[in-house]
């Protein structure tokens, strides 16, 4: 169908050209006749024949040249259309890549299907609008900052999240210059959907922070969290509390009941600690072996003592038999508490660790299965 339309269009163009030839020959003959009458007071046949031949030759040459030019232009137009279609198909087929072309004023000139879905706008609605107008207020600042930060020859990299089909997607974006004859012609925003990789990285990070046996935070996560909370407490001049806990006579428990039972005991006590540290900033961790720890930001000694006593009581309430304990027929736990308000800009939390460890040692000295507070 497309080929037939093209042929008909060319036919119409050819007919118009030949009509123009006939018109030009006729007009030329009229001029020749008038000149003959003006010069010789008669119509001379040799003038007429010469005029017809000259007009026909010139018109034929002109028609041939015009047709050649038209064919060249048509081929160029078809090639450009074909390239445009291929390019558009490629850009639209990039399902995980957001592509937006902008002019020098950051107004949208082109937007692909992924960008339409992410910004919930059609290409026609987006055309001519500034890119910052397409995003919500939360992300507008990121885009405006990126536009200000574009550097010649390097562009600017930034990250943003967006909701696509009610799912949050993580994008890594590059905003770069478009140059034409070494002059700035616009900008190209390309953002790759890195959600799967980001989720995998977060999963691996979570696993690296998790104790393999008890599934609560491990020592590495504990150290990082303690450092973060200490610095925050120093900035905000707020108290930071640390609880250290140790299972009473755990070696005896393992010797009597075996390591599988010991592992199960560790998991159950870890669950008690995790259930007792429910605030967003709290952290329960396995500190090492049979030793556990809990970080409680913005918590006073009185509040920490309640949490620690709750942990101690709930561990005893598990009623895990421990025939090799000199304290109780059940598995019990000793806990030490230390609270500090860090000095301004302090990054040394050793005093907090030492205080909690000192209190834990006293709890063991005083008979175990108890909570002791460090008052230093």
Protein backbone atom coordinates (compact mmCIF):
# COMPACT_ATOMS: atom_id res chain seq x y z
CA UNK A 1 0.00 0.00 0.00
CA UNK A 2 2.82 2.40 0.88
CA UNK A 3 4.59 1.60 -2.43
CA UNK A 4 1.39 2.28 -4.40
CA UNK A 5 0.94 5.65 -2.71
CA UNK A 6 4.55 6.57 -3.48
CA UNK A 7 4.09 5.58 -7.16
CA UNK A 8 0.88 7.61 -7.44
CA UNK A 9 2.61 10.60 -5.85
CA UNK A 10 5.49 10.35 -8.30
CA UNK A 11 3.01 9.98 -11.20
CA UNK A 12 1.20 13.11 -10.16
CA UNK A 13 4.51 14.92 -9.84
CA UNK A 14 5.51 13.73 -13.37
CA UNK A 15 2.24 14.86 -14.89
CA UNK A 16 2.60 18.28 -13.33
CA UNK A 17 6.10 18.56 -14.76
CA UNK A 18 4.98 17.64 -18.28
CA UNK A 19 2.06 20.05 -18.03
CA UNK A 20 4.61 22.70 -17.09
CA UNK A 21 6.64 21.73 -20.20
CA UNK A 22 3.60 22.08 -22.46
CA UNK A 23 2.73 25.40 -20.86
CA UNK A 24 6.29 26.73 -21.23
CA UNK A 25 6.47 25.60 -24.91
CA UNK A 26 3.13 27.23 -25.65
CA UNK A 27 4.15 30.41 -23.87
CA UNK A 28 7.45 30.44 -25.77
CA UNK A 29 5.61 30.03 -29.11
CA UNK A 30 3.30 32.88 -28.25
CA UNK A 31 6.28 35.10 -27.49
CA UNK A 32 7.99 34.03 -30.77
CA UNK A 33 4.86 34.79 -32.82
CA UNK A 34 4.51 38.21 -31.20
CA UNK A 35 8.18 39.00 -31.83
CA UNK A 36 7.83 37.87 -35.48
CA UNK A 37 4.80 40.12 -36.01
CA UNK A 38 6.60 43.00 -34.29
CA UNK A 39 9.78 42.65 -36.36
CA UNK A 40 8.49 41.41 -39.72
CA UNK A 41 4.78 42.21 -39.68
CA UNK A 42 4.19 38.52 -40.38
CA UNK A 43 4.44 35.13 -38.73
CA UNK A 44 7.64 33.49 -39.94
CA UNK A 45 7.63 29.69 -39.94
CA UNK A 46 11.40 29.44 -39.30
CA UNK A 47 11.00 31.55 -36.13
CA UNK A 48 8.15 29.35 -34.96
CA UNK A 49 10.04 26.09 -35.61
CA UNK A 50 13.20 27.40 -33.94
CA UNK A 51 11.22 28.60 -30.93
CA UNK A 52 9.40 25.27 -30.55
CA UNK A 53 12.62 23.25 -30.75
CA UNK A 54 14.51 25.52 -28.33
CA UNK A 55 11.65 25.60 -25.85
CA UNK A 56 11.21 21.83 -26.02
CA UNK A 57 14.92 21.11 -25.50
CA UNK A 58 15.29 23.56 -22.64
CA UNK A 59 12.08 22.35 -20.98
CA UNK A 60 13.12 18.72 -21.39
CA UNK A 61 16.50 19.36 -19.80
CA UNK A 62 14.91 21.31 -16.96
CA UNK A 63 12.34 18.52 -16.37
CA UNK A 64 15.05 15.84 -16.33
CA UNK A 65 17.13 17.86 -13.85
CA UNK A 66 14.13 18.51 -11.63
CA UNK A 67 13.18 14.81 -11.64
CA UNK A 68 16.74 13.85 -10.73
CA UNK A 69 16.75 16.33 -7.86
CA UNK A 70 13.33 15.10 -6.70
CA UNK A 71 14.50 11.45 -6.76
CA UNK A 72 17.63 12.32 -4.76
CA UNK A 73 15.57 14.23 -2.22
CA UNK A 74 13.04 11.39 -1.99
CA UNK A 75 15.78 8.82 -1.40
CA UNK A 76 17.38 11.03 1.24
CA UNK A 77 13.99 11.56 2.88
CA UNK A 78 13.28 7.82 2.87
CA UNK A 79 16.69 7.05 4.35
CA UNK A 80 16.22 9.70 7.03
CA UNK A 81 12.75 8.34 7.82
CA UNK A 82 14.09 4.80 7.99
CA UNK A 83 16.93 5.84 10.29
CA UNK A 84 14.50 7.81 12.47
CA UNK A 85 12.20 4.79 12.73
CA UNK A 86 15.08 2.49 13.62
CA UNK A 87 16.40 4.95 16.20
CA UNK A 88 12.98 5.45 17.74
CA UNK A 89 12.45 1.67 17.86
CA UNK A 90 15.77 1.23 19.64
CA UNK A 91 15.05 4.00 22.13
CA UNK A 92 11.55 2.71 22.84
CA UNK A 93 12.71 -0.90 23.24
CA UNK A 94 15.05 -0.06 26.14
CA UNK A 95 12.59 -1.21 28.79
CA UNK A 96 14.92 -0.59 31.73
CA UNK A 97 16.41 2.70 30.54
CA UNK A 98 14.86 6.15 30.85
CA UNK A 99 15.87 8.53 28.02
CA UNK A 100 14.98 12.22 27.72
CA UNK A 101 16.42 14.74 25.24
CA UNK A 102 16.34 18.39 26.31
CA UNK A 103 17.07 21.70 24.65
CA UNK A 104 19.50 24.25 26.10
CA UNK A 105 16.77 25.57 28.44
CA UNK A 106 16.14 22.02 29.74
CA UNK A 107 12.80 21.78 27.93
CA UNK A 108 11.79 18.31 26.79
CA UNK A 109 12.32 17.54 23.09
CA UNK A 110 12.05 13.74 23.26
CA UNK A 111 10.93 11.24 25.91
CA UNK A 112 10.88 7.44 25.60
CA UNK A 113 8.28 4.97 26.87
CA UNK A 114 10.12 4.22 30.12
CA UNK A 115 10.25 7.93 30.96
CA UNK A 116 6.54 8.24 30.16
CA UNK A 117 5.76 5.47 32.67
CA UNK A 118 8.11 6.78 35.34
CA UNK A 119 6.84 10.37 35.18
CA UNK A 120 3.25 9.37 34.35
CA UNK A 121 3.10 11.72 31.36
CA UNK A 122 2.72 11.24 27.62
CA UNK A 123 5.34 12.39 25.11
CA UNK A 124 2.91 15.02 23.78
CA UNK A 125 2.21 16.36 27.28
CA UNK A 126 5.91 16.45 28.16
CA UNK A 127 7.10 18.15 24.97
CA UNK A 128 8.23 21.71 25.59
CA UNK A 129 8.03 21.50 29.39
CA UNK A 130 11.04 21.83 31.67
CA UNK A 131 12.26 18.54 33.09
CA UNK A 132 11.85 19.79 36.68
CA UNK A 133 8.11 20.28 36.01
CA UNK A 134 7.67 16.56 35.30
CA UNK A 135 8.88 15.31 38.68
CA UNK A 136 7.30 15.59 42.11
CA UNK A 137 8.49 18.08 44.70
CA UNK A 138 10.59 15.47 46.53
CA UNK A 139 12.79 14.78 43.50
CA UNK A 140 12.65 18.23 41.86
CA UNK A 141 15.59 19.44 43.91
CA UNK A 142 17.72 16.49 42.72
CA UNK A 143 17.01 17.29 39.07
CA UNK A 144 17.57 21.02 39.47
CA UNK A 145 20.85 20.35 41.25
CA UNK A 146 21.88 18.01 38.43
CA UNK A 147 21.11 20.68 35.83
CA UNK A 148 23.27 23.18 37.71
CA UNK A 149 26.09 20.68 38.12
CA UNK A 150 26.55 19.64 34.46
CA UNK A 151 30.19 20.18 33.51
CA UNK A 152 31.44 20.52 29.89
CA UNK A 153 32.60 17.22 28.48
CA UNK A 154 31.74 15.25 31.62
CA UNK A 155 28.09 15.75 32.42
CA UNK A 156 26.76 14.94 35.86
CA UNK A 157 25.85 11.65 37.56
CA UNK A 158 23.14 11.40 40.17
CA UNK A 159 20.66 8.92 41.62
CA UNK A 160 16.94 9.01 42.26
CA UNK A 161 14.05 6.68 43.04
CA UNK A 162 10.67 6.64 41.37
CA UNK A 163 7.45 4.67 41.57
CA UNK A 164 6.63 2.61 38.47
CA UNK A 165 3.51 0.45 38.52
CA UNK A 166 3.25 0.95 42.31
CA UNK A 167 6.80 -0.36 42.79
CA UNK A 168 9.74 1.75 43.87
CA UNK A 169 12.54 1.70 41.30
CA UNK A 170 16.10 2.87 41.82
CA UNK A 171 17.68 4.83 38.93
CA UNK A 172 21.29 5.75 38.22
CA UNK A 173 21.25 8.79 35.91
CA UNK A 174 23.67 10.75 33.73
CA UNK A 175 22.90 14.22 32.38
CA UNK A 176 25.30 15.08 29.53
CA UNK A 177 25.67 17.79 26.90
CA UNK A 178 24.63 17.40 23.25
CA UNK A 179 27.03 19.24 20.94
CA UNK A 180 26.52 20.27 17.31
CA UNK A 181 29.53 21.69 15.48
CA UNK A 182 31.17 22.15 18.89
CA UNK A 183 28.24 24.28 20.05
CA UNK A 184 25.84 23.37 22.86
CA UNK A 185 22.62 22.06 21.28
CA UNK A 186 20.94 20.53 24.31
CA UNK A 187 21.22 17.85 26.96
CA UNK A 188 20.60 14.11 27.15
CA UNK A 189 19.31 12.47 30.33
CA UNK A 190 19.88 8.71 30.46
CA UNK A 191 18.83 6.81 33.59
CA UNK A 192 19.30 3.07 34.02
CA UNK A 193 16.94 1.08 36.22
CA UNK A 194 19.31 -0.51 38.71
CA UNK A 195 16.60 -1.80 41.06
CA UNK A 196 17.56 -5.49 40.83
CA UNK A 197 21.24 -4.77 41.44
CA UNK A 198 20.42 -2.41 44.29
CA UNK A 199 18.17 -4.99 45.95
CA UNK A 200 20.87 -7.63 45.56
CA UNK A 201 23.44 -5.31 47.11
CA UNK A 202 21.11 -4.59 50.03
CA UNK A 203 20.44 -8.31 50.50
CA UNK A 204 24.17 -9.08 50.52
CA UNK A 205 24.79 -6.20 52.91
CA UNK A 206 22.06 -7.43 55.24
CA UNK A 207 23.56 -10.91 55.17
CA UNK A 208 27.00 -9.51 55.95
CA UNK A 209 25.49 -7.77 58.99
CA UNK A 210 23.61 -10.83 60.24
CA UNK A 211 24.79 -13.52 62.60
CA UNK A 212 24.43 -16.83 60.78
CA UNK A 213 23.21 -18.80 63.80
CA UNK A 214 20.87 -16.44 65.63
CA UNK A 215 19.83 -14.21 62.68
CA UNK A 216 20.22 -11.03 64.70
CA UNK A 217 22.95 -8.42 64.08
CA UNK A 218 26.53 -9.66 64.18
CA UNK A 219 29.63 -8.07 65.74
CA UNK A 220 30.43 -6.10 62.57
CA UNK A 221 26.97 -4.51 62.53
CA UNK A 222 27.19 -3.85 66.27
CA UNK A 223 30.50 -1.98 65.92
CA UNK A 224 29.17 0.21 63.08
CA UNK A 225 25.91 0.93 64.87
CA UNK A 226 27.63 1.83 68.12
CA UNK A 227 29.93 4.24 66.29
CA UNK A 228 26.99 5.87 64.46
CA UNK A 229 24.85 6.24 67.58
CA UNK A 230 27.77 7.56 69.64
CA UNK A 231 28.40 10.32 67.10
CA UNK A 232 24.69 11.14 66.90
CA UNK A 233 24.41 11.28 70.70
CA UNK A 234 27.44 13.60 70.80
CA UNK A 235 25.84 15.98 68.29
CA UNK A 236 22.45 15.97 69.99
CA UNK A 237 23.76 15.81 73.57
CA UNK A 238 21.55 12.80 74.29
CA UNK A 239 22.27 9.71 76.43
CA UNK A 240 23.36 6.45 74.81
CA UNK A 241 22.90 3.18 76.68
CA UNK A 242 24.64 -0.15 76.16
CA UNK A 243 23.55 -3.48 77.65
CA UNK A 244 26.01 -6.36 77.69
CA UNK A 245 24.65 -9.83 78.49
CA UNK A 246 26.20 -13.24 79.03
CA UNK A 247 24.54 -16.66 79.41
CA UNK A 248 25.33 -18.12 82.82
CA UNK A 249 27.48 -21.28 82.77
CA UNK A 250 26.97 -21.77 79.05
CA UNK A 251 30.08 -23.96 78.67
CA UNK A 252 28.59 -26.34 81.24
CA UNK A 253 25.33 -26.30 79.26
CA UNK A 254 27.13 -27.29 76.05
CA UNK A 255 29.11 -30.01 77.82
CA UNK A 256 25.94 -31.55 79.24
CA UNK A 257 23.39 -31.14 76.44
CA UNK A 258 25.63 -30.93 73.36
CA UNK A 259 26.30 -28.21 70.81
CA UNK A 260 23.02 -28.60 68.85
CA UNK A 261 21.09 -27.88 72.06
CA UNK A 262 23.49 -25.02 72.77
CA UNK A 263 22.82 -23.51 69.33
CA UNK A 264 19.08 -23.76 69.93
CA UNK A 265 19.53 -22.04 73.29
CA UNK A 266 21.45 -19.18 71.65
CA UNK A 267 18.70 -18.70 69.04
CA UNK A 268 15.97 -18.54 71.67
CA UNK A 269 17.82 -16.01 73.81
CA UNK A 270 18.59 -13.91 70.72
CA UNK A 271 14.86 -13.85 70.00
CA UNK A 272 14.19 -12.53 73.52
CA UNK A 273 16.69 -9.69 73.01
CA UNK A 274 15.27 -8.84 69.61
CA UNK A 275 11.72 -8.72 70.99
CA UNK A 276 12.84 -6.38 73.79
CA UNK A 277 14.55 -3.87 71.45
CA UNK A 278 11.64 -2.77 69.29
CA UNK A 279 12.28 0.95 68.73
CA UNK A 280 13.59 1.96 65.28
CA UNK A 281 17.00 3.01 66.67
CA UNK A 282 17.50 0.01 68.97
CA UNK A 283 19.78 -2.89 68.03
CA UNK A 284 20.19 -6.38 69.47
CA UNK A 285 23.39 -8.17 68.46
CA UNK A 286 25.40 -11.28 69.13
CA UNK A 287 28.64 -9.90 70.50
CA UNK A 288 30.52 -13.18 70.44
CA UNK A 289 30.09 -16.76 71.67
CA UNK A 290 27.41 -16.72 74.36
CA UNK A 291 27.64 -12.95 74.82
CA UNK A 292 24.98 -10.53 73.53
CA UNK A 293 24.60 -6.75 73.43
CA UNK A 294 21.84 -4.20 72.99
CA UNK A 295 22.26 -0.58 71.90
CA UNK A 296 19.56 1.79 73.16
CA UNK A 297 19.82 5.40 71.85
CA UNK A 298 18.19 8.23 73.82
CA UNK A 299 17.61 5.92 76.78
CA UNK A 300 18.16 6.79 80.42
CA UNK A 301 19.53 4.37 83.03
CA UNK A 302 16.03 3.89 84.43
CA UNK A 303 14.61 2.96 81.03
CA UNK A 304 17.56 0.70 80.25
CA UNK A 305 17.19 -1.09 83.59
CA UNK A 306 13.57 -1.91 82.75
CA UNK A 307 14.58 -3.33 79.37
CA UNK A 308 17.42 -5.36 80.89
CA UNK A 309 15.22 -6.76 83.66
CA UNK A 310 12.60 -7.66 81.06
CA UNK A 311 15.25 -9.59 79.10
CA UNK A 312 16.51 -11.37 82.21
CA UNK A 313 13.01 -12.38 83.32
CA UNK A 314 11.91 -13.58 79.89
CA UNK A 315 15.05 -15.70 79.44
CA UNK A 316 14.36 -17.39 82.78
CA UNK A 317 10.71 -17.80 81.77
CA UNK A 318 11.79 -19.88 78.77
CA UNK A 319 12.51 -22.62 81.34
CA UNK A 320 15.31 -24.16 79.35
CA UNK A 321 16.65 -26.91 81.68
CA UNK A 322 20.20 -26.38 82.92
CA UNK A 323 21.22 -29.09 85.38
CA UNK A 324 24.83 -27.88 85.40
CA UNK A 325 23.96 -24.38 86.67
CA UNK A 326 24.60 -23.44 90.29
CA UNK A 327 22.21 -20.49 90.02
CA UNK A 328 18.93 -21.92 88.73
CA UNK A 329 17.48 -25.13 87.29
CA UNK A 330 16.87 -23.09 84.14
CA UNK A 331 19.11 -21.22 81.74
CA UNK A 332 19.69 -17.69 83.07
CA UNK A 333 21.47 -14.56 81.89
CA UNK A 334 23.55 -11.83 83.56
CA UNK A 335 23.44 -8.25 82.28
CA UNK A 336 25.50 -5.09 82.72
CA UNK A 337 24.33 -1.57 81.82
CA UNK A 338 26.25 1.61 81.06
CA UNK A 339 24.90 5.00 79.97
CA UNK A 340 26.90 7.97 78.76
CA UNK A 341 26.21 11.38 77.26
CA UNK A 342 29.16 11.72 74.86
CA UNK A 343 31.22 14.93 74.91
CA UNK A 344 30.69 17.19 71.90
CA UNK A 345 32.39 15.96 68.71
CA UNK A 346 33.67 12.88 70.54
CA UNK A 347 34.31 9.75 68.48
CA UNK A 348 35.68 7.56 71.29
CA UNK A 349 33.10 5.19 72.74
CA UNK A 350 35.53 2.92 74.59
CA UNK A 351 34.32 4.28 77.94
CA UNK A 352 30.78 3.07 77.21
CA UNK A 353 31.98 -0.43 76.30
CA UNK A 354 34.23 -0.59 79.36
CA UNK A 355 31.39 0.54 81.62
CA UNK A 356 28.94 -2.07 80.34
CA UNK A 357 31.59 -4.79 80.51
CA UNK A 358 32.51 -3.74 84.05
CA UNK A 359 28.86 -3.91 85.10
CA UNK A 360 28.49 -7.36 83.52
CA UNK A 361 31.55 -8.60 85.43
CA UNK A 362 30.02 -7.34 88.68
CA UNK A 363 26.74 -9.10 87.87
CA UNK A 364 28.64 -12.38 87.60
CA UNK A 365 30.59 -11.69 90.80
CA UNK A 366 27.39 -10.92 92.72
CA UNK A 367 25.80 -14.30 91.91
CA UNK A 368 24.68 -14.08 88.24
CA UNK A 369 21.08 -14.02 86.95
CA UNK A 370 20.86 -10.31 87.71
CA UNK A 371 21.15 -6.79 86.25
CA UNK A 372 23.93 -4.45 87.40
CA UNK A 373 24.32 -0.76 86.47
CA UNK A 374 27.69 0.94 86.00
CA UNK A 375 27.61 4.25 87.89
CA UNK A 376 31.03 5.56 86.84
